[in-house]
PDB file of N, CA and C in Angstrom:
ATOM      1  N   MET A   1       0.825  -1.180   0.000  1.00  0.00           N
ATOM      2  CA  MET A   1       0.000   0.000   0.000  1.00  0.00           C
ATOM      3  C   MET A   1       0.877   1.254   0.000  1.00  0.00           C
ATOM      4  N   ALA A   2       1.902   1.301   0.789  1.00  0.00           N
ATOM      5  CA  ALA A   2       2.770   2.475   0.819  1.00  0.00           C
ATOM      6  C   ALA A   2       3.625   2.560  -0.441  1.00  0.00           C
ATOM      7  N   GLN A   3       3.658   1.481  -1.225  1.00  0.00           N
ATOM      8  CA  GLN A   3       4.475   1.451  -2.425  1.00  0.00           C
ATOM      9  C   GLN A   3       4.049   2.515  -3.437  1.00  0.00           C
ATOM     10  N   ARG A   4       2.755   2.768  -3.552  1.00  0.00           N
ATOM     11  CA  ARG A   4       2.315   3.752  -4.535  1.00  0.00           C
ATOM     12  C   ARG A   4       2.802   5.154  -4.175  1.00  0.00           C
ATOM     13  N   TYR A   5       3.025   5.425  -2.894  1.00  0.00           N
ATOM     14  CA  TYR A   5       3.549   6.726  -2.498  1.00  0.00           C
ATOM     15  C   TYR A   5       5.044   6.807  -2.745  1.00  0.00           C
ATOM     16  N   THR A   6       5.755   5.767  -2.415  1.00  0.00           N
ATOM     17  CA  THR A   6       7.205   5.821  -2.581  1.00  0.00           C
ATOM     18  C   THR A   6       7.583   5.871  -4.055  1.00  0.00           C
ATOM     19  N   SER A   7       6.819   5.221  -4.931  1.00  0.00           N
ATOM     20  CA  SER A   7       7.159   5.291  -6.342  1.00  0.00           C
ATOM     21  C   SER A   7       6.919   6.698  -6.879  1.00  0.00           C
ATOM     22  N   ARG A   8       5.924   7.385  -6.340  1.00  0.00           N
ATOM     23  CA  ARG A   8       5.618   8.732  -6.781  1.00  0.00           C
ATOM     24  C   ARG A   8       6.697   9.711  -6.335  1.00  0.00           C
ATOM     25  N   TYR A   9       7.281   9.491  -5.187  1.00  0.00           N
ATOM     26  CA  TYR A   9       8.265  10.409  -4.628  1.00  0.00           C
ATOM     27  C   TYR A   9       9.653   9.795  -4.618  1.00  0.00           C
ATOM     28  N   ASP A  10       9.929   8.947  -5.575  1.00  0.00           N
ATOM     29  CA  ASP A  10      11.200   8.246  -5.605  1.00  0.00           C
ATOM     30  C   ASP A  10      12.374   9.203  -5.767  1.00  0.00           C
ATOM     31  N   PHE A  11      12.181  10.290  -6.515  1.00  0.00           N
ATOM     32  CA  PHE A  11      13.279  11.210  -6.755  1.00  0.00           C
ATOM     33  C   PHE A  11      13.746  11.879  -5.473  1.00  0.00           C
ATOM     34  N   LEU A  12      12.887  11.976  -4.455  1.00  0.00           N
ATOM     35  CA  LEU A  12      13.292  12.610  -3.203  1.00  0.00           C
ATOM     36  C   LEU A  12      14.210  11.717  -2.388  1.00  0.00           C
ATOM     37  N   SER A  13      14.087  10.402  -2.560  1.00  0.00           N
ATOM     38  CA  SER A  13      14.922   9.502  -1.781  1.00  0.00           C
ATOM     39  C   SER A  13      16.299   9.312  -2.415  1.00  0.00           C
ATOM     40  N   ASN A  14      16.480   9.807  -3.621  1.00  0.00           N
ATOM     41  CA  ASN A  14      17.756   9.663  -4.298  1.00  0.00           C
ATOM     42  C   ASN A  14      18.713  10.748  -3.797  1.00  0.00           C
ATOM     43  N   HIS A  15      19.705  10.345  -3.009  1.00  0.00           N
ATOM     44  CA  HIS A  15      20.618  11.303  -2.388  1.00  0.00           C
ATOM     45  C   HIS A  15      21.519  11.979  -3.416  1.00  0.00           C
ATOM     46  N   THR A  16      21.789  11.321  -4.530  1.00  0.00           N
ATOM     47  CA  THR A  16      22.651  11.905  -5.548  1.00  0.00           C
ATOM     48  C   THR A  16      22.018  13.173  -6.120  1.00  0.00           C
ATOM     49  N   ILE A  17      20.709  13.127  -6.354  1.00  0.00           N
ATOM     50  CA  ILE A  17      20.022  14.304  -6.892  1.00  0.00           C
ATOM     51  C   ILE A  17      20.022  15.427  -5.868  1.00  0.00           C
ATOM     52  N   LYS A  18      19.800  15.085  -4.594  1.00  0.00           N
ATOM     53  CA  LYS A  18      19.823  16.115  -3.553  1.00  0.00           C
ATOM     54  C   LYS A  18      21.186  16.789  -3.483  1.00  0.00           C
ATOM     55  N   ILE A  19      22.242  15.986  -3.519  1.00  0.00           N
ATOM     56  CA  ILE A  19      23.600  16.527  -3.434  1.00  0.00           C
ATOM     57  C   ILE A  19      23.896  17.393  -4.649  1.00  0.00           C
ATOM     58  N   ALA A  20      23.459  16.957  -5.839  1.00  0.00           N
ATOM     59  CA  ALA A  20      23.695  17.738  -7.052  1.00  0.00           C
ATOM     60  C   ALA A  20      22.989  19.086  -6.993  1.00  0.00           C
ATOM     61  N   VAL A  21      21.759  19.094  -6.499  1.00  0.00           N
ATOM     62  CA  VAL A  21      21.012  20.351  -6.384  1.00  0.00           C
ATOM     63  C   VAL A  21      21.704  21.286  -5.398  1.00  0.00           C
ATOM     64  N   VAL A  22      22.164  20.753  -4.287  1.00  0.00           N
ATOM     65  CA  VAL A  22      22.851  21.589  -3.292  1.00  0.00           C
ATOM     66  C   VAL A  22      24.150  22.143  -3.863  1.00  0.00           C
ATOM     67  N   ILE A  23      24.913  21.342  -4.602  1.00  0.00           N
ATOM     68  CA  ILE A  23      26.172  21.814  -5.186  1.00  0.00           C
ATOM     69  C   ILE A  23      25.912  22.912  -6.214  1.00  0.00           C
ATOM     70  N   ILE A  24      24.887  22.730  -7.048  1.00  0.00           N
ATOM     71  CA  ILE A  24      24.557  23.758  -8.041  1.00  0.00           C
ATOM     72  C   ILE A  24      24.145  25.055  -7.351  1.00  0.00           C
ATOM     73  N   LEU A  25      23.311  24.939  -6.317  1.00  0.00           N
ATOM     74  CA  LEU A  25      22.884  26.144  -5.587  1.00  0.00           C
ATOM     75  C   LEU A  25      24.063  26.827  -4.900  1.00  0.00           C
ATOM     76  N   LEU A  26      24.948  26.033  -4.310  1.00  0.00           N
ATOM     77  CA  LEU A  26      26.115  26.622  -3.646  1.00  0.00           C
ATOM     78  C   LEU A  26      27.035  27.321  -4.648  1.00  0.00           C
ATOM     79  N   ALA A  27      27.231  26.725  -5.815  1.00  0.00           N
ATOM     80  CA  ALA A  27      28.064  27.355  -6.827  1.00  0.00           C
ATOM     81  C   ALA A  27      27.453  28.680  -7.276  1.00  0.00           C
ATOM     82  N   PHE A  28      26.152  28.670  -7.484  1.00  0.00           N
ATOM     83  CA  PHE A  28      25.457  29.900  -7.883  1.00  0.00           C
ATOM     84  C   PHE A  28      25.561  30.967  -6.798  1.00  0.00           C
ATOM     85  N   VAL A  29      25.381  30.549  -5.567  1.00  0.00           N
ATOM     86  CA  VAL A  29      25.431  31.497  -4.453  1.00  0.00           C
ATOM     87  C   VAL A  29      26.852  32.043  -4.269  1.00  0.00           C
ATOM     88  N   LEU A  30      27.868  31.204  -4.397  1.00  0.00           N
ATOM     89  CA  LEU A  30      29.250  31.680  -4.244  1.00  0.00           C
ATOM     90  C   LEU A  30      29.618  32.682  -5.325  1.00  0.00           C
ATOM     91  N   VAL A  31      29.204  32.415  -6.556  1.00  0.00           N
ATOM     92  CA  VAL A  31      29.469  33.371  -7.639  1.00  0.00           C
ATOM     93  C   VAL A  31      28.769  34.692  -7.346  1.00  0.00           C
ATOM     94  N   THR A  32      27.528  34.585  -6.848  1.00  0.00           N
ATOM     95  CA  THR A  32      26.778  35.798  -6.537  1.00  0.00           C
ATOM     96  C   THR A  32      27.395  36.532  -5.345  1.00  0.00           C
ATOM     97  N   LEU A  33      27.914  35.801  -4.361  1.00  0.00           N
ATOM     98  CA  LEU A  33      28.564  36.445  -3.208  1.00  0.00           C
ATOM     99  C   LEU A  33      29.786  37.244  -3.633  1.00  0.00           C
ATOM    100  N   ILE A  34      30.546  36.706  -4.569  1.00  0.00           N
ATOM    101  CA  ILE A  34      31.732  37.420  -5.043  1.00  0.00           C
ATOM    102  C   ILE A  34      31.315  38.646  -5.850  1.00  0.00           C
ATOM    103  N   TRP A  35      30.253  38.503  -6.628  1.00  0.00           N
ATOM    104  CA  TRP A  35      29.818  39.587  -7.503  1.00  0.00           C
ATOM    105  C   TRP A  35      29.047  40.662  -6.737  1.00  0.00           C
ATOM    106  N   LYS A  36      27.999  40.240  -6.011  1.00  0.00           N
ATOM    107  CA  LYS A  36      27.169  41.164  -5.217  1.00  0.00           C
ATOM    108  C   LYS A  36      26.880  40.494  -3.877  1.00  0.00           C
ATOM    109  N   PRO A  37      27.598  40.832  -2.821  1.00  0.00           N
ATOM    110  CA  PRO A  37      27.452  40.127  -1.539  1.00  0.00           C
ATOM    111  C   PRO A  37      26.048  40.171  -0.938  1.00  0.00           C
ATOM    112  N   PHE A  38      25.361  41.285  -1.023  1.00  0.00           N
ATOM    113  CA  PHE A  38      24.038  41.380  -0.403  1.00  0.00           C
ATOM    114  C   PHE A  38      23.033  40.461  -1.088  1.00  0.00           C
ATOM    115  N   ILE A  39      23.077  40.419  -2.414  1.00  0.00           N
ATOM    116  CA  ILE A  39      22.167  39.539  -3.153  1.00  0.00           C
ATOM    117  C   ILE A  39      22.501  38.077  -2.858  1.00  0.00           C
ATOM    118  N   GLY A  40      23.772  37.762  -2.733  1.00  0.00           N
ATOM    119  CA  GLY A  40      24.173  36.397  -2.420  1.00  0.00           C
ATOM    120  C   GLY A  40      23.683  35.946  -1.062  1.00  0.00           C
ATOM    121  N   LEU A  41      23.748  36.834  -0.092  1.00  0.00           N
ATOM    122  CA  LEU A  41      23.253  36.511   1.252  1.00  0.00           C
ATOM    123  C   LEU A  41      21.753  36.246   1.226  1.00  0.00           C
ATOM    124  N   LEU A  42      21.019  37.071   0.498  1.00  0.00           N
ATOM    125  CA  LEU A  42      19.573  36.842   0.367  1.00  0.00           C
ATOM    126  C   LEU A  42      19.285  35.517  -0.340  1.00  0.00           C
ATOM    127  N   LEU A  43      20.080  35.186  -1.357  1.00  0.00           N
ATOM    128  CA  LEU A  43      19.891  33.914  -2.064  1.00  0.00           C
ATOM    129  C   LEU A  43      20.125  32.721  -1.135  1.00  0.00           C
ATOM    130  N   ILE A  44      21.147  32.805  -0.284  1.00  0.00           N
ATOM    131  CA  ILE A  44      21.411  31.719   0.659  1.00  0.00           C
ATOM    132  C   ILE A  44      20.207  31.507   1.567  1.00  0.00           C
ATOM    133  N   ILE A  45      19.661  32.588   2.094  1.00  0.00           N
ATOM    134  CA  ILE A  45      18.526  32.477   3.018  1.00  0.00           C
ATOM    135  C   ILE A  45      17.309  31.906   2.310  1.00  0.00           C
ATOM    136  N   PHE A  46      16.957  32.456   1.141  1.00  0.00           N
ATOM    137  CA  PHE A  46      15.753  32.001   0.454  1.00  0.00           C
ATOM    138  C   PHE A  46      15.890  30.584  -0.101  1.00  0.00           C
ATOM    139  N   CYS A  47      17.065  30.213  -0.588  1.00  0.00           N
ATOM    140  CA  CYS A  47      17.268  28.842  -1.078  1.00  0.00           C
ATOM    141  C   CYS A  47      17.164  27.843   0.071  1.00  0.00           C
ATOM    142  N   SER A  48      17.728  28.175   1.212  1.00  0.00           N
ATOM    143  CA  SER A  48      17.646  27.278   2.372  1.00  0.00           C
ATOM    144  C   SER A  48      16.205  27.102   2.824  1.00  0.00           C
ATOM    145  N   LEU A  49      15.482  28.204   2.921  1.00  0.00           N
ATOM    146  CA  LEU A  49      14.071  28.113   3.323  1.00  0.00           C
ATOM    147  C   LEU A  49      13.237  27.369   2.288  1.00  0.00           C
ATOM    148  N   GLY A  50      13.525  27.584   1.016  1.00  0.00           N
ATOM    149  CA  GLY A  50      12.784  26.894  -0.041  1.00  0.00           C
ATOM    150  C   GLY A  50      13.012  25.397  -0.030  1.00  0.00           C
ATOM    151  N   ILE A  51      14.252  24.976   0.144  1.00  0.00           N
ATOM    152  CA  ILE A  51      14.553  23.539   0.194  1.00  0.00           C
ATOM    153  C   ILE A  51      13.905  22.913   1.423  1.00  0.00           C
ATOM    154  N   LEU A  52      13.981  23.583   2.553  1.00  0.00           N
ATOM    155  CA  LEU A  52      13.371  23.060   3.777  1.00  0.00           C
ATOM    156  C   LEU A  52      11.856  22.940   3.630  1.00  0.00           C
ATOM    157  N   ALA A  53      11.215  23.972   3.106  1.00  0.00           N
ATOM    158  CA  ALA A  53       9.759  23.942   2.935  1.00  0.00           C
ATOM    159  C   ALA A  53       9.350  22.872   1.928  1.00  0.00           C
ATOM    160  N   TYR A  54      10.127  22.690   0.878  1.00  0.00           N
ATOM    161  CA  TYR A  54       9.791  21.698  -0.145  1.00  0.00           C
ATOM    162  C   TYR A  54       9.884  20.287   0.415  1.00  0.00           C
ATOM    163  N   THR A  55      10.932  19.979   1.153  1.00  0.00           N
ATOM    164  CA  THR A  55      11.077  18.628   1.678  1.00  0.00           C
ATOM    165  C   THR A  55      10.031  18.328   2.737  1.00  0.00           C
ATOM    166  N   VAL A  56       9.658  19.315   3.543  1.00  0.00           N
ATOM    167  CA  VAL A  56       8.616  19.091   4.550  1.00  0.00           C
ATOM    168  C   VAL A  56       7.269  18.879   3.875  1.00  0.00           C
ATOM    169  N   ARG A  57       6.991  19.651   2.833  1.00  0.00           N
ATOM    170  CA  ARG A  57       5.691  19.576   2.177  1.00  0.00           C
ATOM    171  C   ARG A  57       5.528  18.295   1.376  1.00  0.00           C
ATOM    172  N   VAL A  58       6.575  17.835   0.705  1.00  0.00           N
ATOM    173  CA  VAL A  58       6.435  16.736  -0.238  1.00  0.00           C
ATOM    174  C   VAL A  58       6.562  15.365   0.413  1.00  0.00           C
ATOM    175  N   SER A  59       7.243  15.245   1.513  1.00  0.00           N
ATOM    176  CA  SER A  59       7.468  13.947   2.121  1.00  0.00           C
ATOM    177  C   SER A  59       6.148  13.273   2.474  1.00  0.00           C
ATOM    178  N   PRO A  60       5.890  12.077   1.945  1.00  0.00           N
ATOM    179  CA  PRO A  60       4.583  11.446   2.110  1.00  0.00           C
ATOM    180  C   PRO A  60       4.303  10.892   3.500  1.00  0.00           C
ATOM    181  N   ASN A  61       5.324  10.605   4.289  1.00  0.00           N
ATOM    182  CA  ASN A  61       5.096   9.999   5.600  1.00  0.00           C
ATOM    183  C   ASN A  61       5.010  11.019   6.729  1.00  0.00           C
ATOM    184  N   LYS A  62       5.187  12.278   6.411  1.00  0.00           N
ATOM    185  CA  LYS A  62       5.181  13.293   7.458  1.00  0.00           C
ATOM    186  C   LYS A  62       3.779  13.793   7.732  1.00  0.00           C
ATOM    187  N   CYS A  63       3.530  14.067   8.982  1.00  0.00           N
ATOM    188  CA  CYS A  63       2.243  14.616   9.413  1.00  0.00           C
ATOM    189  C   CYS A  63       2.154  16.070   8.948  1.00  0.00           C
ATOM    190  N   PRO A  64       1.031  16.469   8.339  1.00  0.00           N
ATOM    191  CA  PRO A  64       0.915  17.859   7.906  1.00  0.00           C
ATOM    192  C   PRO A  64       0.826  18.847   9.067  1.00  0.00           C
ATOM    193  N   SER A  65       0.564  18.366  10.264  1.00  0.00           N
ATOM    194  CA  SER A  65       0.428  19.252  11.407  1.00  0.00           C
ATOM    195  C   SER A  65       1.751  19.444  12.144  1.00  0.00           C
ATOM    196  N   CYS A  66       2.359  18.354  12.587  1.00  0.00           N
ATOM    197  CA  CYS A  66       3.594  18.475  13.379  1.00  0.00           C
ATOM    198  C   CYS A  66       4.857  18.208  12.564  1.00  0.00           C
ATOM    199  N   HIS A  67       4.729  17.755  11.309  1.00  0.00           N
ATOM    200  CA  HIS A  67       5.837  17.506  10.377  1.00  0.00           C
ATOM    201  C   HIS A  67       6.801  16.431  10.873  1.00  0.00           C
ATOM    202  N   ARG A  68       6.309  15.519  11.698  1.00  0.00           N
ATOM    203  CA  ARG A  68       7.143  14.398  12.136  1.00  0.00           C
ATOM    204  C   ARG A  68       6.756  13.164  11.334  1.00  0.00           C
ATOM    205  N   ASP A  69       7.646  12.208  11.306  1.00  0.00           N
ATOM    206  CA  ASP A  69       7.446  11.008  10.504  1.00  0.00           C
ATOM    207  C   ASP A  69       6.604  10.001  11.282  1.00  0.00           C
ATOM    208  N   GLY A  70       5.292  10.273  11.400  1.00  0.00           N
ATOM    209  CA  GLY A  70       4.456   9.430  12.241  1.00  0.00           C
ATOM    210  C   GLY A  70       3.167   8.973  11.586  1.00  0.00           C
ATOM    211  N   ARG A  71       3.144   8.856  10.258  1.00  0.00           N
ATOM    212  CA  ARG A  71       1.915   8.480   9.563  1.00  0.00           C
ATOM    213  C   ARG A  71       1.586   7.010   9.804  1.00  0.00           C
ATOM    214  N   GLU A  72       0.348   6.752  10.233  1.00  0.00           N
ATOM    215  CA  GLU A  72      -0.154   5.391  10.391  1.00  0.00           C
ATOM    216  C   GLU A  72      -1.496   5.291   9.677  1.00  0.00           C
ATOM    217  N   LEU A  73      -1.715   4.171   9.003  1.00  0.00           N
ATOM    218  CA  LEU A  73      -2.990   3.957   8.324  1.00  0.00           C
ATOM    219  C   LEU A  73      -4.068   3.687   9.362  1.00  0.00           C
ATOM    220  N   GLU A  74      -5.129   4.475   9.309  1.00  0.00           N
ATOM    221  CA  GLU A  74      -6.221   4.301  10.258  1.00  0.00           C
ATOM    222  C   GLU A  74      -7.353   3.495   9.630  1.00  0.00           C
ATOM    223  N   THR A  75      -7.885   3.934   8.518  1.00  0.00           N
ATOM    224  CA  THR A  75      -8.947   3.210   7.810  1.00  0.00           C
ATOM    225  C   THR A  75      -8.747   3.358   6.314  1.00  0.00           C
ATOM    226  N   LYS A  76      -9.399   2.474   5.566  1.00  0.00           N
ATOM    227  CA  LYS A  76      -9.404   2.546   4.111  1.00  0.00           C
ATOM    228  C   LYS A  76     -10.858   2.647   3.681  1.00  0.00           C
ATOM    229  N   GLU A  77     -11.164   3.638   2.867  1.00  0.00           N
ATOM    230  CA  GLU A  77     -12.539   3.891   2.459  1.00  0.00           C
ATOM    231  C   GLU A  77     -12.714   3.482   0.994  1.00  0.00           C
ATOM    232  N   TYR A  78     -13.819   2.807   0.702  1.00  0.00           N
ATOM    233  CA  TYR A  78     -14.151   2.419  -0.663  1.00  0.00           C
ATOM    234  C   TYR A  78     -15.277   3.323  -1.149  1.00  0.00           C
ATOM    235  N   ILE A  79     -15.081   3.946  -2.286  1.00  0.00           N
ATOM    236  CA  ILE A  79     -16.062   4.890  -2.819  1.00  0.00           C
ATOM    237  C   ILE A  79     -16.517   4.384  -4.180  1.00  0.00           C
ATOM    238  N   ARG A  80     -17.827   4.137  -4.315  1.00  0.00           N
ATOM    239  CA  ARG A  80     -18.379   3.728  -5.620  1.00  0.00           C
ATOM    240  C   ARG A  80     -18.687   4.968  -6.427  1.00  0.00           C
ATOM    241  N   GLN A  81     -18.302   4.922  -7.677  1.00  0.00           N
ATOM    242  CA  GLN A  81     -18.508   6.072  -8.543  1.00  0.00           C
ATOM    243  C   GLN A  81     -19.027   5.582  -9.886  1.00  0.00           C
ATOM    244  N   ILE A  82     -20.018   6.280 -10.425  1.00  0.00           N
ATOM    245  CA  ILE A  82     -20.540   5.951 -11.750  1.00  0.00           C
ATOM    246  C   ILE A  82     -20.243   7.134 -12.654  1.00  0.00           C
ATOM    247  N   GLN A  83     -19.430   6.874 -13.671  1.00  0.00           N
ATOM    248  CA  GLN A  83     -19.024   7.931 -14.580  1.00  0.00           C
ATOM    249  C   GLN A  83     -19.276   7.459 -16.004  1.00  0.00           C
ATOM    250  N   ASP A  84     -20.116   8.174 -16.745  1.00  0.00           N
ATOM    251  CA  ASP A  84     -20.516   7.790 -18.106  1.00  0.00           C
ATOM    252  C   ASP A  84     -21.084   6.378 -18.126  1.00  0.00           C
ATOM    253  N   GLU A  85     -21.927   6.074 -17.169  1.00  0.00           N
ATOM    254  CA  GLU A  85     -22.614   4.786 -17.023  1.00  0.00           C
ATOM    255  C   GLU A  85     -21.656   3.609 -16.807  1.00  0.00           C
ATOM    256  N   VAL A  86     -20.426   3.902 -16.397  1.00  0.00           N
ATOM    257  CA  VAL A  86     -19.454   2.848 -16.093  1.00  0.00           C
ATOM    258  C   VAL A  86     -19.140   2.925 -14.608  1.00  0.00           C
ATOM    259  N   PRO A  87     -19.521   1.897 -13.850  1.00  0.00           N
ATOM    260  CA  PRO A  87     -19.221   1.947 -12.412  1.00  0.00           C
ATOM    261  C   PRO A  87     -17.733   1.689 -12.156  1.00  0.00           C
ATOM    262  N   SER A  88     -17.210   2.372 -11.194  1.00  0.00           N
ATOM    263  CA  SER A  88     -15.822   2.151 -10.784  1.00  0.00           C
ATOM    264  C   SER A  88     -15.726   2.328  -9.280  1.00  0.00           C
ATOM    265  N   ILE A  89     -14.687   1.760  -8.716  1.00  0.00           N
ATOM    266  CA  ILE A  89     -14.464   1.857  -7.273  1.00  0.00           C
ATOM    267  C   ILE A  89     -13.176   2.632  -7.043  1.00  0.00           C
ATOM    268  N   LEU A  90     -13.289   3.650  -6.218  1.00  0.00           N
ATOM    269  CA  LEU A  90     -12.129   4.436  -5.815  1.00  0.00           C
ATOM    270  C   LEU A  90     -11.818   4.137  -4.358  1.00  0.00           C
ATOM    271  N   TYR A  91     -10.568   4.253  -3.997  1.00  0.00           N
ATOM    272  CA  TYR A  91     -10.127   4.012  -2.629  1.00  0.00           C
ATOM    273  C   TYR A  91      -9.531   5.288  -2.067  1.00  0.00           C
ATOM    274  N   GLN A  92      -9.695   5.457  -0.776  1.00  0.00           N
ATOM    275  CA  GLN A  92      -9.073   6.586  -0.091  1.00  0.00           C
ATOM    276  C   GLN A  92      -8.635   6.121   1.292  1.00  0.00           C
ATOM    277  N   ASP A  93      -7.360   6.353   1.597  1.00  0.00           N
ATOM    278  CA  ASP A  93      -6.820   5.978   2.901  1.00  0.00           C
ATOM    279  C   ASP A  93      -6.956   7.151   3.866  1.00  0.00           C
ATOM    280  N   HIS A  94      -7.239   6.833   5.105  1.00  0.00           N
ATOM    281  CA  HIS A  94      -7.305   7.840   6.169  1.00  0.00           C
ATOM    282  C   HIS A  94      -6.159   7.551   7.132  1.00  0.00           C
ATOM    283  N   TYR A  95      -5.392   8.575   7.445  1.00  0.00           N
ATOM    284  CA  TYR A  95      -4.196   8.422   8.257  1.00  0.00           C
ATOM    285  C   TYR A  95      -4.338   9.159   9.582  1.00  0.00           C
ATOM    286  N   ARG A  96      -3.501   8.732  10.533  1.00  0.00           N
ATOM    287  CA  ARG A  96      -3.422   9.390  11.831  1.00  0.00           C
ATOM    288  C   ARG A  96      -1.959   9.452  12.243  1.00  0.00           C
ATOM    289  N   CYS A  97      -1.558  10.581  12.794  1.00  0.00           N
ATOM    290  CA  CYS A  97      -0.183  10.738  13.267  1.00  0.00           C
ATOM    291  C   CYS A  97      -0.056  10.075  14.637  1.00  0.00           C
ATOM    292  N   LYS A  98       0.992   9.284  14.809  1.00  0.00           N
ATOM    293  CA  LYS A  98       1.159   8.603  16.097  1.00  0.00           C
ATOM    294  C   LYS A  98       1.706   9.524  17.178  1.00  0.00           C
ATOM    295  N   TYR A  99       2.169  10.714  16.796  1.00  0.00           N
ATOM    296  CA  TYR A  99       2.702  11.638  17.788  1.00  0.00           C
ATOM    297  C   TYR A  99       1.665  12.655  18.259  1.00  0.00           C
ATOM    298  N   CYS A 100       1.026  13.359  17.312  1.00  0.00           N
ATOM    299  CA  CYS A 100       0.103  14.422  17.712  1.00  0.00           C
ATOM    300  C   CYS A 100      -1.362  14.038  17.503  1.00  0.00           C
ATOM    301  N   LYS A 101      -1.622  12.831  17.024  1.00  0.00           N
ATOM    302  CA  LYS A 101      -2.985  12.290  16.810  1.00  0.00           C
ATOM    303  C   LYS A 101      -3.785  13.066  15.763  1.00  0.00           C
ATOM    304  N   HIS A 102      -3.112  13.843  14.908  1.00  0.00           N
ATOM    305  CA  HIS A 102      -3.786  14.567  13.829  1.00  0.00           C
ATOM    306  C   HIS A 102      -4.291  13.556  12.793  1.00  0.00           C
ATOM    307  N   ARG A 103      -5.485  13.792  12.253  1.00  0.00           N
ATOM    308  CA  ARG A 103      -6.058  12.897  11.235  1.00  0.00           C
ATOM    309  C   ARG A 103      -6.134  13.642   9.903  1.00  0.00           C
ATOM    310  N   TRP A 104      -5.848  12.907   8.786  1.00  0.00           N
ATOM    311  CA  TRP A 104      -5.988  13.479   7.460  1.00  0.00           C
ATOM    312  C   TRP A 104      -6.290  12.373   6.455  1.00  0.00           C
ATOM    313  N   GLU A 105      -6.747  12.813   5.277  1.00  0.00           N
ATOM    314  CA  GLU A 105      -7.128  11.880   4.223  1.00  0.00           C
ATOM    315  C   GLU A 105      -6.049  11.851   3.150  1.00  0.00           C
ATOM    316  N   GLY A 106      -5.842  10.666   2.586  1.00  0.00           N
ATOM    317  CA  GLY A 106      -4.918  10.529   1.470  1.00  0.00           C
ATOM    318  C   GLY A 106      -5.620  10.840   0.159  1.00  0.00           C
ATOM    319  N   GLU A 107      -4.898  10.640  -0.944  1.00  0.00           N
ATOM    320  CA  GLU A 107      -5.455  10.897  -2.260  1.00  0.00           C
ATOM    321  C   GLU A 107      -6.398   9.769  -2.669  1.00  0.00           C
ATOM    322  N   LEU A 108      -7.311  10.079  -3.566  1.00  0.00           N
ATOM    323  CA  LEU A 108      -8.156   9.045  -4.154  1.00  0.00           C
ATOM    324  C   LEU A 108      -7.335   8.266  -5.175  1.00  0.00           C
ATOM    325  N   TYR A 109      -7.531   6.949  -5.215  1.00  0.00           N
ATOM    326  CA  TYR A 109      -6.812   6.135  -6.191  1.00  0.00           C
ATOM    327  C   TYR A 109      -7.657   4.934  -6.568  1.00  0.00           C
ATOM    328  N   THR A 110      -7.320   4.317  -7.700  1.00  0.00           N
ATOM    329  CA  THR A 110      -8.025   3.118  -8.161  1.00  0.00           C
ATOM    330  C   THR A 110      -7.199   1.896  -7.793  1.00  0.00           C
ATOM    331  N   GLN A 111      -7.740   0.736  -8.046  1.00  0.00           N
ATOM    332  CA  GLN A 111      -7.028  -0.500  -7.734  1.00  0.00           C
ATOM    333  C   GLN A 111      -5.756  -0.618  -8.573  1.00  0.00           C
ATOM    334  N   ASP A 112      -5.788  -0.097  -9.807  1.00  0.00           N
ATOM    335  CA  ASP A 112      -4.607  -0.147 -10.666  1.00  0.00           C
ATOM    336  C   ASP A 112      -3.466   0.691 -10.101  1.00  0.00           C
ATOM    337  N   ASP A 113      -3.791   1.826  -9.478  1.00  0.00           N
ATOM    338  CA  ASP A 113      -2.764   2.674  -8.867  1.00  0.00           C
ATOM    339  C   ASP A 113      -2.125   2.003  -7.665  1.00  0.00           C
ATOM    340  N   ALA A 114      -2.882   1.178  -6.949  1.00  0.00           N
ATOM    341  CA  ALA A 114      -2.377   0.539  -5.734  1.00  0.00           C
ATOM    342  C   ALA A 114      -1.374  -0.557  -6.043  1.00  0.00           C
ATOM    343  N   GLU A 115      -1.442  -1.118  -7.212  1.00  0.00           N
ATOM    344  CA  GLU A 115      -0.550  -2.247  -7.554  1.00  0.00           C
ATOM    345  C   GLU A 115       0.774  -1.826  -8.057  1.00  0.00           C
TER     346      GLU A 115
END
């Protein structure tokens, strides 16, 4: 079940890509620091905040409330849908954080997406 999330966010777990992005940003920032120090300092701050916000937002196992890695599957909901006279079943997982007890809903998906 968690496989469909990890395949979607596989690029985040690849440390080589993370390191490459950091090296490119550092090279850009160093060139900017030599050229215009004030702009370079602002770039360092905004790039750091942007990377931090992106990783917190995109990580699938993190709680949207406390941002800790505490996602647990609480229930799985089956939703019947009729679209153009073709019945289909959609699934939606409901999660709960084991640390702060926050509850949230996952994305809707079909049986094909789960496999």
